[in-house]
Amino acid sequence: MSLRDKTLEELEEMEAELSDQEAESGFANYSMKIDIYKEMVRKLELLIRQRNKEYEDILEYVKRKLVFYLIHYGTYLKTEYQKDDHLAASCLNNVLRYDRTNPIAPYRLGFLSYKNREYAEAIQFFQKALENDKYYPNHNYKLNGQQQLNAHLYLTNSALRVANQAYENMKQLPDLSDVPKQEFSPLIENILINEQYLQRHAFYLVDETSKTTCSKADCENLVDRPPLDTLLLYFNDRDILMVFEEKMITLSYNQGIMIRHFLLKSSEERPATRASFTSDIEENSYVQNVNRFRNKLREYGFPPIIQNKRYNNETAYYYNGAYPYKIMYRVDDEIEYA
């Protein structure tokens, strides 16, 4: 039976069963969850069109979950461990279908277009991102200061590249006797200056006391020559790596987000409960996920760094502060996390 043939109640049961399966196996089925939420939205919209207004709040709730999954997990639909730009673009376009004024979705689409040298499309996306950002009510999906600056630089460079290409095409026309000569070398120089800035500030580098920007080359150098007794967490352009001296492991997206939260936001006084990540997960599933991650670290020879305690009548976890850490992730990937 297809999802279309199922009732809302059956879809809710499927979602719950899927979460239980994920907790047991340790592998997330992002694609199926997104498909379930899409079908729930379709059914709820149909009910509302039939004047069942009592479903409006439920629809908004399901849409929020769908948008969350599309934004956070869209790049990992094929595998938990590697990004896929094509799937990312598809999911981000879907975000704009369900949340048309979202600013982070067109911003990321603009970045992907620019990366693929599709400059005319990049212009439209960055303009939309900046316009949406002015009035969007949800702080979680608004652009931060660095992203706003980057959006303007990407937009400027995209427009300059389109103008330069138009001029190059015009030079191929048969009769240019009456066309004024243009000097584009200063514009090309501006493009290079902007791109050098974007490359130098492409990644955030976060430690216990500071948050700065750096280049991808700086991140790669750190990973290749890790500092002594220092944990490194690197969200690169393909996967997520955790490094400690000579030891390196590849993390799933959920594991990467989990350890980043533990490092940045947890302490013995304020450990992370399941609510730190999502209210939808059961306590037992949360415990299983964290224990599975701790076991993985132990198997690869990493020192014990995650401790647990009871907090607000729940099992909670925190980073024990045993080692300094450095976290590296792309400026263009950041979303304000609670």
C-alpha atoms as a PDB file:
ATOM      1  CA  MET A   1       0.000   0.000   0.000  1.00  0.00           C
ATOM      2  CA  SER A   2       1.399   3.411  -0.982  1.00  0.00           C
ATOM      3  CA  LEU A   3       1.580   6.361   1.420  1.00  0.00           C
ATOM      4  CA  ARG A   4      -1.265   8.016  -0.494  1.00  0.00           C
ATOM      5  CA  ASP A   5      -3.591   5.170   0.454  1.00  0.00           C
ATOM      6  CA  LYS A   6      -2.881   5.473   4.167  1.00  0.00           C
ATOM      7  CA  THR A   7      -4.868   7.548   6.656  1.00  0.00           C
ATOM      8  CA  LEU A   8      -3.332  10.298   8.777  1.00  0.00           C
ATOM      9  CA  GLU A   9      -3.429   7.980  11.772  1.00  0.00           C
ATOM     10  CA  GLU A  10      -1.583   5.263   9.841  1.00  0.00           C
ATOM     11  CA  LEU A  11       1.047   7.765   8.733  1.00  0.00           C
ATOM     12  CA  GLU A  12       1.565   8.857  12.346  1.00  0.00           C
ATOM     13  CA  GLU A  13       2.012   5.200  13.338  1.00  0.00           C
ATOM     14  CA  MET A  14       4.539   4.750  10.522  1.00  0.00           C
ATOM     15  CA  GLU A  15       6.492   7.768  11.748  1.00  0.00           C
ATOM     16  CA  ALA A  16       6.601   6.357  15.291  1.00  0.00           C
ATOM     17  CA  GLU A  17       7.644   2.892  14.068  1.00  0.00           C
ATOM     18  CA  LEU A  18      10.357   4.439  11.917  1.00  0.00           C
ATOM     19  CA  SER A  19      11.754   6.320  14.918  1.00  0.00           C
ATOM     20  CA  ASP A  20      11.816   3.077  16.934  1.00  0.00           C
ATOM     21  CA  GLN A  21      13.610   1.258  14.111  1.00  0.00           C
ATOM     22  CA  GLU A  22      16.164   4.051  13.859  1.00  0.00           C
ATOM     23  CA  ALA A  23      16.842   3.871  17.591  1.00  0.00           C
ATOM     24  CA  GLU A  24      17.394   0.105  17.417  1.00  0.00           C
ATOM     25  CA  SER A  25      19.531   0.049  14.276  1.00  0.00           C
ATOM     26  CA  GLY A  26      21.388   3.336  14.704  1.00  0.00           C
ATOM     27  CA  PHE A  27      20.666   4.275  11.077  1.00  0.00           C
ATOM     28  CA  ALA A  28      18.266   7.055  10.132  1.00  0.00           C
ATOM     29  CA  ASN A  29      15.832   6.823   7.218  1.00  0.00           C
ATOM     30  CA  TYR A  30      15.618  10.513   6.337  1.00  0.00           C
ATOM     31  CA  SER A  31      14.048   9.891   2.940  1.00  0.00           C
ATOM     32  CA  MET A  32      11.108   7.898   4.312  1.00  0.00           C
ATOM     33  CA  LYS A  33      10.401  10.430   7.056  1.00  0.00           C
ATOM     34  CA  ILE A  34      10.362  13.262   4.531  1.00  0.00           C
ATOM     35  CA  ASP A  35       7.977  11.297   2.303  1.00  0.00           C
ATOM     36  CA  ILE A  36       5.678  10.638   5.278  1.00  0.00           C
ATOM     37  CA  TYR A  37       5.595  14.315   6.249  1.00  0.00           C
ATOM     38  CA  LYS A  38       4.921  15.348   2.640  1.00  0.00           C
ATOM     39  CA  GLU A  39       1.939  13.017   2.453  1.00  0.00           C
ATOM     40  CA  MET A  40       0.646  14.218   5.826  1.00  0.00           C
ATOM     41  CA  VAL A  41       0.850  17.813   4.580  1.00  0.00           C
ATOM     42  CA  ARG A  42      -1.018  16.893   1.390  1.00  0.00           C
ATOM     43  CA  LYS A  43      -3.835  15.227   3.333  1.00  0.00           C
ATOM     44  CA  LEU A  44      -4.099  18.057   5.853  1.00  0.00           C
ATOM     45  CA  GLU A  45      -4.226  20.698   3.120  1.00  0.00           C
ATOM     46  CA  LEU A  46      -7.045  18.743   1.471  1.00  0.00           C
ATOM     47  CA  LEU A  47      -8.978  18.627   4.749  1.00  0.00           C
ATOM     48  CA  ILE A  48      -8.556  22.370   5.223  1.00  0.00           C
ATOM     49  CA  ARG A  49      -9.763  23.070   1.682  1.00  0.00           C
ATOM     50  CA  GLN A  50     -12.858  21.110   2.668  1.00  0.00           C
ATOM     51  CA  ARG A  51     -13.401  23.699   5.428  1.00  0.00           C
ATOM     52  CA  ASN A  52     -11.965  21.605   8.266  1.00  0.00           C
ATOM     53  CA  LYS A  53     -10.190  24.533   9.886  1.00  0.00           C
ATOM     54  CA  GLU A  54      -9.443  22.598  13.070  1.00  0.00           C
ATOM     55  CA  TYR A  55      -6.535  21.000  11.180  1.00  0.00           C
ATOM     56  CA  GLU A  56      -4.730  24.291  10.537  1.00  0.00           C
ATOM     57  CA  ASP A  57      -2.530  24.109  13.653  1.00  0.00           C
ATOM     58  CA  ILE A  58      -1.647  20.475  12.946  1.00  0.00           C
ATOM     59  CA  LEU A  59      -0.724  21.386   9.370  1.00  0.00           C
ATOM     60  CA  GLU A  60       1.658  24.117  10.540  1.00  0.00           C
ATOM     61  CA  TYR A  61       3.235  21.701  13.022  1.00  0.00           C
ATOM     62  CA  VAL A  62       3.814  19.016  10.375  1.00  0.00           C
ATOM     63  CA  LYS A  63       5.137  21.606   7.909  1.00  0.00           C
ATOM     64  CA  ARG A  64       7.662  22.750  10.512  1.00  0.00           C
ATOM     65  CA  LYS A  65       8.875  19.166  10.930  1.00  0.00           C
ATOM     66  CA  LEU A  66       9.060  18.669   7.162  1.00  0.00           C
ATOM     67  CA  VAL A  67      11.023  21.894   6.635  1.00  0.00           C
ATOM     68  CA  PHE A  68      13.361  20.942   9.500  1.00  0.00           C
ATOM     69  CA  TYR A  69      14.140  17.573   7.896  1.00  0.00           C
ATOM     70  CA  LEU A  70      14.540  19.026   4.402  1.00  0.00           C
ATOM     71  CA  ILE A  71      17.006  21.652   5.615  1.00  0.00           C
ATOM     72  CA  HIS A  72      18.966  19.612   8.138  1.00  0.00           C
ATOM     73  CA  TYR A  73      19.009  16.201   6.488  1.00  0.00           C
ATOM     74  CA  GLY A  74      18.421  16.890   2.798  1.00  0.00           C
ATOM     75  CA  THR A  75      22.086  16.630   1.863  1.00  0.00           C
ATOM     76  CA  TYR A  76      22.297  13.172   3.453  1.00  0.00           C
ATOM     77  CA  LEU A  77      19.310  11.379   1.900  1.00  0.00           C
ATOM     78  CA  LYS A  78      21.357   8.746   0.073  1.00  0.00           C
ATOM     79  CA  THR A  79      23.767   8.092   2.900  1.00  0.00           C
ATOM     80  CA  GLU A  80      24.234   9.283   6.454  1.00  0.00           C
ATOM     81  CA  TYR A  81      27.900   9.887   5.802  1.00  0.00           C
ATOM     82  CA  GLN A  82      28.293  11.905   2.595  1.00  0.00           C
ATOM     83  CA  LYS A  83      26.716  15.044   1.199  1.00  0.00           C
ATOM     84  CA  ASP A  84      24.961  15.093  -2.157  1.00  0.00           C
ATOM     85  CA  ASP A  85      24.651  18.542  -3.762  1.00  0.00           C
ATOM     86  CA  HIS A  86      21.971  17.445  -6.249  1.00  0.00           C
ATOM     87  CA  LEU A  87      19.739  16.075  -3.503  1.00  0.00           C
ATOM     88  CA  ALA A  88      20.479  19.133  -1.369  1.00  0.00           C
ATOM     89  CA  ALA A  89      19.215  21.427  -4.147  1.00  0.00           C
ATOM     90  CA  SER A  90      16.078  19.332  -4.599  1.00  0.00           C
ATOM     91  CA  CYS A  91      15.309  19.433  -0.869  1.00  0.00           C
ATOM     92  CA  LEU A  92      15.979  23.164  -0.594  1.00  0.00           C
ATOM     93  CA  ASN A  93      13.617  23.862  -3.487  1.00  0.00           C
ATOM     94  CA  ASN A  94      11.051  21.772  -1.616  1.00  0.00           C
ATOM     95  CA  VAL A  95      11.569  23.962   1.453  1.00  0.00           C
ATOM     96  CA  LEU A  96      10.434  26.971  -0.578  1.00  0.00           C
ATOM     97  CA  ARG A  97       7.313  25.093  -1.596  1.00  0.00           C
ATOM     98  CA  TYR A  98       6.282  24.631   2.033  1.00  0.00           C
ATOM     99  CA  ASP A  99       7.899  27.760   3.508  1.00  0.00           C
ATOM    100  CA  ARG A 100       8.193  30.248   0.641  1.00  0.00           C
ATOM    101  CA  THR A 101       9.744  33.089   2.680  1.00  0.00           C
ATOM    102  CA  ASN A 102      12.465  30.938   4.262  1.00  0.00           C
ATOM    103  CA  PRO A 103      15.829  32.764   3.899  1.00  0.00           C
ATOM    104  CA  ILE A 104      18.386  29.975   4.528  1.00  0.00           C
ATOM    105  CA  ALA A 105      17.016  27.752   1.716  1.00  0.00           C
ATOM    106  CA  PRO A 106      17.576  30.264  -1.133  1.00  0.00           C
ATOM    107  CA  TYR A 107      20.887  31.256   0.449  1.00  0.00           C
ATOM    108  CA  ARG A 108      22.129  27.671   0.216  1.00  0.00           C
ATOM    109  CA  LEU A 109      20.653  27.296  -3.272  1.00  0.00           C
ATOM    110  CA  GLY A 110      22.567  30.426  -4.264  1.00  0.00           C
ATOM    111  CA  PHE A 111      25.777  28.948  -2.868  1.00  0.00           C
ATOM    112  CA  LEU A 112      25.232  25.702  -4.791  1.00  0.00           C
ATOM    113  CA  SER A 113      24.461  27.636  -8.003  1.00  0.00           C
ATOM    114  CA  TYR A 114      27.563  29.786  -7.577  1.00  0.00           C
ATOM    115  CA  LYS A 115      29.663  26.682  -6.914  1.00  0.00           C
ATOM    116  CA  ASN A 116      28.353  25.211 -10.187  1.00  0.00           C
ATOM    117  CA  ARG A 117      28.984  28.500 -12.062  1.00  0.00           C
ATOM    118  CA  GLU A 118      25.270  29.044 -12.662  1.00  0.00           C
ATOM    119  CA  TYR A 119      25.570  32.753 -11.958  1.00  0.00           C
ATOM    120  CA  ALA A 120      22.208  33.962 -13.295  1.00  0.00           C
ATOM    121  CA  GLU A 121      20.401  31.494 -10.989  1.00  0.00           C
ATOM    122  CA  ALA A 122      22.694  32.472  -8.112  1.00  0.00           C
ATOM    123  CA  ILE A 123      21.656  36.126  -8.491  1.00  0.00           C
ATOM    124  CA  GLN A 124      17.981  35.236  -8.113  1.00  0.00           C
ATOM    125  CA  PHE A 125      18.578  33.017  -5.090  1.00  0.00           C
ATOM    126  CA  PHE A 126      20.783  35.481  -3.195  1.00  0.00           C
ATOM    127  CA  GLN A 127      18.350  38.320  -3.875  1.00  0.00           C
ATOM    128  CA  LYS A 128      15.516  36.165  -2.541  1.00  0.00           C
ATOM    129  CA  ALA A 129      17.532  35.149   0.522  1.00  0.00           C
ATOM    130  CA  LEU A 130      18.341  38.747   1.441  1.00  0.00           C
ATOM    131  CA  GLU A 131      14.757  39.910   0.866  1.00  0.00           C
ATOM    132  CA  ASN A 132      13.260  37.020   2.852  1.00  0.00           C
ATOM    133  CA  ASP A 133      15.704  37.616   5.682  1.00  0.00           C
ATOM    134  CA  LYS A 134      14.335  41.092   6.357  1.00  0.00           C
ATOM    135  CA  TYR A 135      10.949  39.905   7.586  1.00  0.00           C
ATOM    136  CA  TYR A 136      11.218  36.174   8.330  1.00  0.00           C
ATOM    137  CA  PRO A 137       9.827  35.503  11.834  1.00  0.00           C
ATOM    138  CA  ASN A 138      11.694  32.281  12.733  1.00  0.00           C
ATOM    139  CA  HIS A 139      15.129  33.165  14.094  1.00  0.00           C
ATOM    140  CA  ASN A 140      16.442  29.626  13.478  1.00  0.00           C
ATOM    141  CA  TYR A 141      16.405  30.060   9.698  1.00  0.00           C
ATOM    142  CA  LYS A 142      17.541  33.687   9.454  1.00  0.00           C
ATOM    143  CA  LEU A 143      20.978  34.514   8.059  1.00  0.00           C
ATOM    144  CA  ASN A 144      23.674  35.386  10.556  1.00  0.00           C
ATOM    145  CA  GLY A 145      25.948  38.386  10.040  1.00  0.00           C
ATOM    146  CA  GLN A 146      28.649  36.498   8.138  1.00  0.00           C
ATOM    147  CA  GLN A 147      26.067  34.896   5.860  1.00  0.00           C
ATOM    148  CA  GLN A 148      24.489  38.279   5.106  1.00  0.00           C
ATOM    149  CA  LEU A 149      27.898  39.640   4.125  1.00  0.00           C
ATOM    150  CA  ASN A 150      28.657  36.551   2.049  1.00  0.00           C
ATOM    151  CA  ALA A 151      25.278  36.780   0.302  1.00  0.00           C
ATOM    152  CA  HIS A 152      26.080  40.333  -0.811  1.00  0.00           C
ATOM    153  CA  LEU A 153      29.541  39.299  -2.024  1.00  0.00           C
ATOM    154  CA  TYR A 154      28.204  36.247  -3.883  1.00  0.00           C
ATOM    155  CA  LEU A 155      25.450  38.410  -5.388  1.00  0.00           C
ATOM    156  CA  THR A 156      27.962  41.051  -6.511  1.00  0.00           C
ATOM    157  CA  ASN A 157      30.302  38.483  -8.022  1.00  0.00           C
ATOM    158  CA  SER A 158      27.467  36.671  -9.792  1.00  0.00           C
ATOM    159  CA  ALA A 159      26.252  39.933 -11.357  1.00  0.00           C
ATOM    160  CA  LEU A 160      29.799  40.880 -12.415  1.00  0.00           C
ATOM    161  CA  ARG A 161      30.347  37.480 -13.993  1.00  0.00           C
ATOM    162  CA  VAL A 162      27.052  37.683 -15.892  1.00  0.00           C
ATOM    163  CA  ALA A 163      27.956  41.200 -17.095  1.00  0.00           C
ATOM    164  CA  ASN A 164      31.420  40.091 -18.147  1.00  0.00           C
ATOM    165  CA  GLN A 165      30.018  37.100 -20.065  1.00  0.00           C
ATOM    166  CA  ALA A 166      27.483  39.348 -21.782  1.00  0.00           C
ATOM    167  CA  TYR A 167      30.306  41.642 -22.892  1.00  0.00           C
ATOM    168  CA  GLU A 168      32.378  38.690 -24.159  1.00  0.00           C
ATOM    169  CA  ASN A 169      29.369  37.475 -26.129  1.00  0.00           C
ATOM    170  CA  MET A 170      28.790  40.968 -27.545  1.00  0.00           C
ATOM    171  CA  LYS A 171      32.340  41.047 -28.919  1.00  0.00           C
ATOM    172  CA  GLN A 172      31.380  38.163 -31.210  1.00  0.00           C
ATOM    173  CA  LEU A 173      28.756  40.267 -33.000  1.00  0.00           C
ATOM    174  CA  PRO A 174      29.618  41.165 -36.667  1.00  0.00           C
ATOM    175  CA  ASP A 175      29.449  44.965 -36.436  1.00  0.00           C
ATOM    176  CA  LEU A 176      30.690  46.735 -33.313  1.00  0.00           C
ATOM    177  CA  SER A 177      31.664  50.058 -34.912  1.00  0.00           C
ATOM    178  CA  ASP A 178      29.095  52.095 -32.973  1.00  0.00           C
ATOM    179  CA  VAL A 179      29.391  50.181 -29.702  1.00  0.00           C
ATOM    180  CA  PRO A 180      31.391  51.987 -26.981  1.00  0.00           C
ATOM    181  CA  LYS A 181      34.468  50.096 -25.793  1.00  0.00           C
ATOM    182  CA  GLN A 182      34.171  48.758 -22.239  1.00  0.00           C
ATOM    183  CA  GLU A 183      36.998  48.161 -19.811  1.00  0.00           C
ATOM    184  CA  PHE A 184      36.157  45.138 -17.675  1.00  0.00           C
ATOM    185  CA  SER A 185      39.533  44.522 -16.057  1.00  0.00           C
ATOM    186  CA  PRO A 186      38.600  46.466 -12.866  1.00  0.00           C
ATOM    187  CA  LEU A 187      35.447  44.336 -12.556  1.00  0.00           C
ATOM    188  CA  ILE A 188      37.437  41.129 -12.930  1.00  0.00           C
ATOM    189  CA  GLU A 189      39.804  42.402 -10.268  1.00  0.00           C
ATOM    190  CA  ASN A 190      36.830  43.002  -7.949  1.00  0.00           C
ATOM    191  CA  ILE A 191      35.602  39.458  -8.553  1.00  0.00           C
ATOM    192  CA  LEU A 192      38.995  38.059  -7.579  1.00  0.00           C
ATOM    193  CA  ILE A 193      39.184  40.231  -4.446  1.00  0.00           C
ATOM    194  CA  ASN A 194      35.707  39.126  -3.352  1.00  0.00           C
ATOM    195  CA  GLU A 195      36.452  35.463  -4.021  1.00  0.00           C
ATOM    196  CA  GLN A 196      39.694  35.647  -2.071  1.00  0.00           C
ATOM    197  CA  TYR A 197      37.760  37.070   0.873  1.00  0.00           C
ATOM    198  CA  LEU A 198      35.101  34.340   0.605  1.00  0.00           C
ATOM    199  CA  GLN A 199      37.787  31.661   0.518  1.00  0.00           C
ATOM    200  CA  ARG A 200      39.629  33.108   3.529  1.00  0.00           C
ATOM    201  CA  HIS A 201      36.385  33.200   5.528  1.00  0.00           C
ATOM    202  CA  ALA A 202      34.724  30.029   4.199  1.00  0.00           C
ATOM    203  CA  PHE A 203      34.753  28.099   7.495  1.00  0.00           C
ATOM    204  CA  TYR A 204      34.127  28.791  11.146  1.00  0.00           C
ATOM    205  CA  LEU A 205      36.822  27.660  13.586  1.00  0.00           C
ATOM    206  CA  VAL A 206      35.374  27.318  17.077  1.00  0.00           C
ATOM    207  CA  ASP A 207      37.142  26.427  20.320  1.00  0.00           C
ATOM    208  CA  GLU A 208      36.398  26.883  24.022  1.00  0.00           C
ATOM    209  CA  THR A 209      36.944  30.620  23.986  1.00  0.00           C
ATOM    210  CA  SER A 210      36.539  31.927  20.436  1.00  0.00           C
ATOM    211  CA  LYS A 211      34.782  31.679  17.108  1.00  0.00           C
ATOM    212  CA  THR A 212      36.739  32.890  14.101  1.00  0.00           C
ATOM    213  CA  THR A 213      36.703  32.283  10.348  1.00  0.00           C
ATOM    214  CA  CYS A 214      39.335  30.506   8.291  1.00  0.00           C
ATOM    215  CA  SER A 215      39.925  28.964   4.872  1.00  0.00           C
ATOM    216  CA  LYS A 216      39.318  25.377   3.806  1.00  0.00           C
ATOM    217  CA  ALA A 217      43.094  25.007   3.449  1.00  0.00           C
ATOM    218  CA  ASP A 218      43.517  26.036   7.100  1.00  0.00           C
ATOM    219  CA  CYS A 219      41.038  23.304   8.121  1.00  0.00           C
ATOM    220  CA  GLU A 220      42.793  20.665   6.014  1.00  0.00           C
ATOM    221  CA  ASN A 221      46.156  21.615   7.505  1.00  0.00           C
ATOM    222  CA  LEU A 222      44.780  21.187  11.024  1.00  0.00           C
ATOM    223  CA  VAL A 223      43.391  17.754  10.184  1.00  0.00           C
ATOM    224  CA  ASP A 224      46.631  16.682   8.479  1.00  0.00           C
ATOM    225  CA  ARG A 225      48.737  17.889  11.424  1.00  0.00           C
ATOM    226  CA  PRO A 226      46.435  17.718  14.466  1.00  0.00           C
ATOM    227  CA  PRO A 227      47.582  19.541  17.605  1.00  0.00           C
ATOM    228  CA  LEU A 228      48.681  17.390  20.518  1.00  0.00           C
ATOM    229  CA  ASP A 229      45.927  16.238  22.910  1.00  0.00           C
ATOM    230  CA  THR A 230      43.221  18.146  20.993  1.00  0.00           C
ATOM    231  CA  LEU A 231      39.885  16.926  19.646  1.00  0.00           C
ATOM    232  CA  LEU A 232      39.096  18.029  16.085  1.00  0.00           C
ATOM    233  CA  LEU A 233      35.602  17.948  14.581  1.00  0.00           C
ATOM    234  CA  TYR A 234      35.555  18.812  10.869  1.00  0.00           C
ATOM    235  CA  PHE A 235      32.367  19.203   8.812  1.00  0.00           C
ATOM    236  CA  ASN A 236      33.984  19.236   5.401  1.00  0.00           C
ATOM    237  CA  ASP A 237      32.402  19.403   1.953  1.00  0.00           C
ATOM    238  CA  ARG A 238      31.758  15.648   1.768  1.00  0.00           C
ATOM    239  CA  ASP A 239      31.572  14.120   5.244  1.00  0.00           C
ATOM    240  CA  ILE A 240      32.158  14.688   8.956  1.00  0.00           C
ATOM    241  CA  LEU A 241      35.485  13.725  10.506  1.00  0.00           C
ATOM    242  CA  MET A 242      36.516  13.441  14.144  1.00  0.00           C
ATOM    243  CA  VAL A 243      40.240  13.407  14.838  1.00  0.00           C
ATOM    244  CA  PHE A 244      42.339  12.879  17.941  1.00  0.00           C
ATOM    245  CA  GLU A 245      46.077  12.778  17.304  1.00  0.00           C
ATOM    246  CA  GLU A 246      46.587   9.797  14.935  1.00  0.00           C
ATOM    247  CA  LYS A 247      42.991   8.520  15.232  1.00  0.00           C
ATOM    248  CA  MET A 248      40.276   9.511  12.734  1.00  0.00           C
ATOM    249  CA  ILE A 249      36.678   8.368  12.253  1.00  0.00           C
ATOM    250  CA  THR A 250      33.852   9.351   9.928  1.00  0.00           C
ATOM    251  CA  LEU A 251      30.632  10.317  11.704  1.00  0.00           C
ATOM    252  CA  SER A 252      27.031  10.220  10.558  1.00  0.00           C
ATOM    253  CA  TYR A 253      25.216  13.535  10.402  1.00  0.00           C
ATOM    254  CA  ASN A 254      23.364  12.829  13.665  1.00  0.00           C
ATOM    255  CA  GLN A 255      26.586  11.888  15.427  1.00  0.00           C
ATOM    256  CA  GLY A 256      28.290  15.031  14.173  1.00  0.00           C
ATOM    257  CA  ILE A 257      25.480  17.263  15.400  1.00  0.00           C
ATOM    258  CA  MET A 258      25.388  15.362  18.701  1.00  0.00           C
ATOM    259  CA  ILE A 259      29.081  15.733  19.512  1.00  0.00           C
ATOM    260  CA  ARG A 260      29.095  19.367  18.374  1.00  0.00           C
ATOM    261  CA  HIS A 261      26.276  20.076  20.828  1.00  0.00           C
ATOM    262  CA  PHE A 262      28.057  18.226  23.636  1.00  0.00           C
ATOM    263  CA  LEU A 263      31.266  20.155  23.022  1.00  0.00           C
ATOM    264  CA  LEU A 264      29.692  23.590  22.671  1.00  0.00           C
ATOM    265  CA  LYS A 265      26.608  23.561  24.861  1.00  0.00           C
ATOM    266  CA  SER A 266      26.828  20.905  27.565  1.00  0.00           C
ATOM    267  CA  SER A 267      28.469  20.826  30.979  1.00  0.00           C
ATOM    268  CA  GLU A 268      28.150  18.846  34.181  1.00  0.00           C
ATOM    269  CA  GLU A 269      25.892  21.593  35.530  1.00  0.00           C
ATOM    270  CA  ARG A 270      23.763  21.673  32.362  1.00  0.00           C
ATOM    271  CA  PRO A 271      23.968  18.298  30.609  1.00  0.00           C
ATOM    272  CA  ALA A 272      22.114  17.627  27.358  1.00  0.00           C
ATOM    273  CA  THR A 273      18.836  15.744  27.604  1.00  0.00           C
ATOM    274  CA  ARG A 274      16.887  14.388  24.638  1.00  0.00           C
ATOM    275  CA  ALA A 275      15.009  17.721  24.504  1.00  0.00           C
ATOM    276  CA  SER A 276      18.309  19.385  23.580  1.00  0.00           C
ATOM    277  CA  PHE A 277      17.960  17.750  20.149  1.00  0.00           C
ATOM    278  CA  THR A 278      14.270  16.993  19.603  1.00  0.00           C
ATOM    279  CA  SER A 279      11.190  16.481  21.751  1.00  0.00           C
ATOM    280  CA  ASP A 280      10.060  13.622  19.475  1.00  0.00           C
ATOM    281  CA  ILE A 281      12.633  11.065  20.602  1.00  0.00           C
ATOM    282  CA  GLU A 282      11.980   8.743  23.539  1.00  0.00           C
ATOM    283  CA  GLU A 283      14.445   8.766  26.422  1.00  0.00           C
ATOM    284  CA  ASN A 284      15.391   5.129  25.809  1.00  0.00           C
ATOM    285  CA  SER A 285      16.114   5.855  22.128  1.00  0.00           C
ATOM    286  CA  TYR A 286      18.227   8.857  23.073  1.00  0.00           C
ATOM    287  CA  VAL A 287      20.244   6.753  25.519  1.00  0.00           C
ATOM    288  CA  GLN A 288      20.757   4.068  22.878  1.00  0.00           C
ATOM    289  CA  ASN A 289      21.962   6.625  20.335  1.00  0.00           C
ATOM    290  CA  VAL A 290      24.468   8.208  22.713  1.00  0.00           C
ATOM    291  CA  ASN A 291      25.753   4.856  23.985  1.00  0.00           C
ATOM    292  CA  ARG A 292      26.174   3.641  20.414  1.00  0.00           C
ATOM    293  CA  PHE A 293      28.224   6.753  19.666  1.00  0.00           C
ATOM    294  CA  ARG A 294      30.345   6.349  22.817  1.00  0.00           C
ATOM    295  CA  ASN A 295      31.012   2.721  21.908  1.00  0.00           C
ATOM    296  CA  LYS A 296      32.128   3.802  18.436  1.00  0.00           C
ATOM    297  CA  LEU A 297      34.591   6.276  19.920  1.00  0.00           C
ATOM    298  CA  ARG A 298      35.944   3.612  22.246  1.00  0.00           C
ATOM    299  CA  GLU A 299      36.336   1.077  19.426  1.00  0.00           C
ATOM    300  CA  TYR A 300      38.466   3.548  17.474  1.00  0.00           C
ATOM    301  CA  GLY A 301      40.678   4.284  20.461  1.00  0.00           C
ATOM    302  CA  PHE A 302      39.306   7.678  21.410  1.00  0.00           C
ATOM    303  CA  PRO A 303      39.514   8.608  25.098  1.00  0.00           C
ATOM    304  CA  PRO A 304      36.286   8.732  27.164  1.00  0.00           C
ATOM    305  CA  ILE A 305      34.893  12.247  26.804  1.00  0.00           C
ATOM    306  CA  ILE A 306      31.105  11.926  27.229  1.00  0.00           C
ATOM    307  CA  GLN A 307      29.745  11.422  30.750  1.00  0.00           C
ATOM    308  CA  ASN A 308      26.175  10.816  31.871  1.00  0.00           C
ATOM    309  CA  LYS A 309      24.081  11.800  34.906  1.00  0.00           C
ATOM    310  CA  ARG A 310      20.469  12.162  35.947  1.00  0.00           C
ATOM    311  CA  TYR A 311      19.095  15.605  35.239  1.00  0.00           C
ATOM    312  CA  ASN A 312      15.452  16.711  35.509  1.00  0.00           C
ATOM    313  CA  ASN A 313      14.523  13.056  36.060  1.00  0.00           C
ATOM    314  CA  GLU A 314      16.119  12.005  32.765  1.00  0.00           C
ATOM    315  CA  THR A 315      19.396  10.528  31.584  1.00  0.00           C
ATOM    316  CA  ALA A 316      21.553  13.362  30.312  1.00  0.00           C
ATOM    317  CA  TYR A 317      25.064  13.654  28.862  1.00  0.00           C
ATOM    318  CA  TYR A 318      27.860  16.186  28.807  1.00  0.00           C
ATOM    319  CA  TYR A 319      31.399  16.703  27.550  1.00  0.00           C
ATOM    320  CA  ASN A 320      33.785  16.213  30.454  1.00  0.00           C
ATOM    321  CA  GLY A 321      36.243  18.880  29.285  1.00  0.00           C
ATOM    322  CA  ALA A 322      39.192  16.486  29.341  1.00  0.00           C
ATOM    323  CA  TYR A 323      40.785  17.951  26.194  1.00  0.00           C
ATOM    324  CA  PRO A 324      40.697  21.198  24.247  1.00  0.00           C
ATOM    325  CA  TYR A 325      38.756  21.039  20.994  1.00  0.00           C
ATOM    326  CA  LYS A 326      38.471  22.744  17.618  1.00  0.00           C
ATOM    327  CA  ILE A 327      35.294  22.561  15.506  1.00  0.00           C
ATOM    328  CA  MET A 328      35.341  23.480  11.807  1.00  0.00           C
ATOM    329  CA  TYR A 329      32.271  23.867   9.610  1.00  0.00           C
ATOM    330  CA  ARG A 330      31.265  25.890   6.566  1.00  0.00           C
ATOM    331  CA  VAL A 331      29.851  29.364   7.155  1.00  0.00           C
ATOM    332  CA  ASP A 332      27.271  28.625   4.460  1.00  0.00           C
ATOM    333  CA  ASP A 333      26.046  25.543   6.347  1.00  0.00           C
ATOM    334  CA  GLU A 334      25.391  27.203   9.685  1.00  0.00           C
ATOM    335  CA  ILE A 335      21.895  27.336  11.106  1.00  0.00           C
ATOM    336  CA  GLU A 336      21.228  28.886  14.487  1.00  0.00           C
ATOM    337  CA  TYR A 337      20.849  25.877  16.791  1.00  0.00           C
ATOM    338  CA  ALA A 338      18.813  26.061  19.978  1.00  0.00           C
END
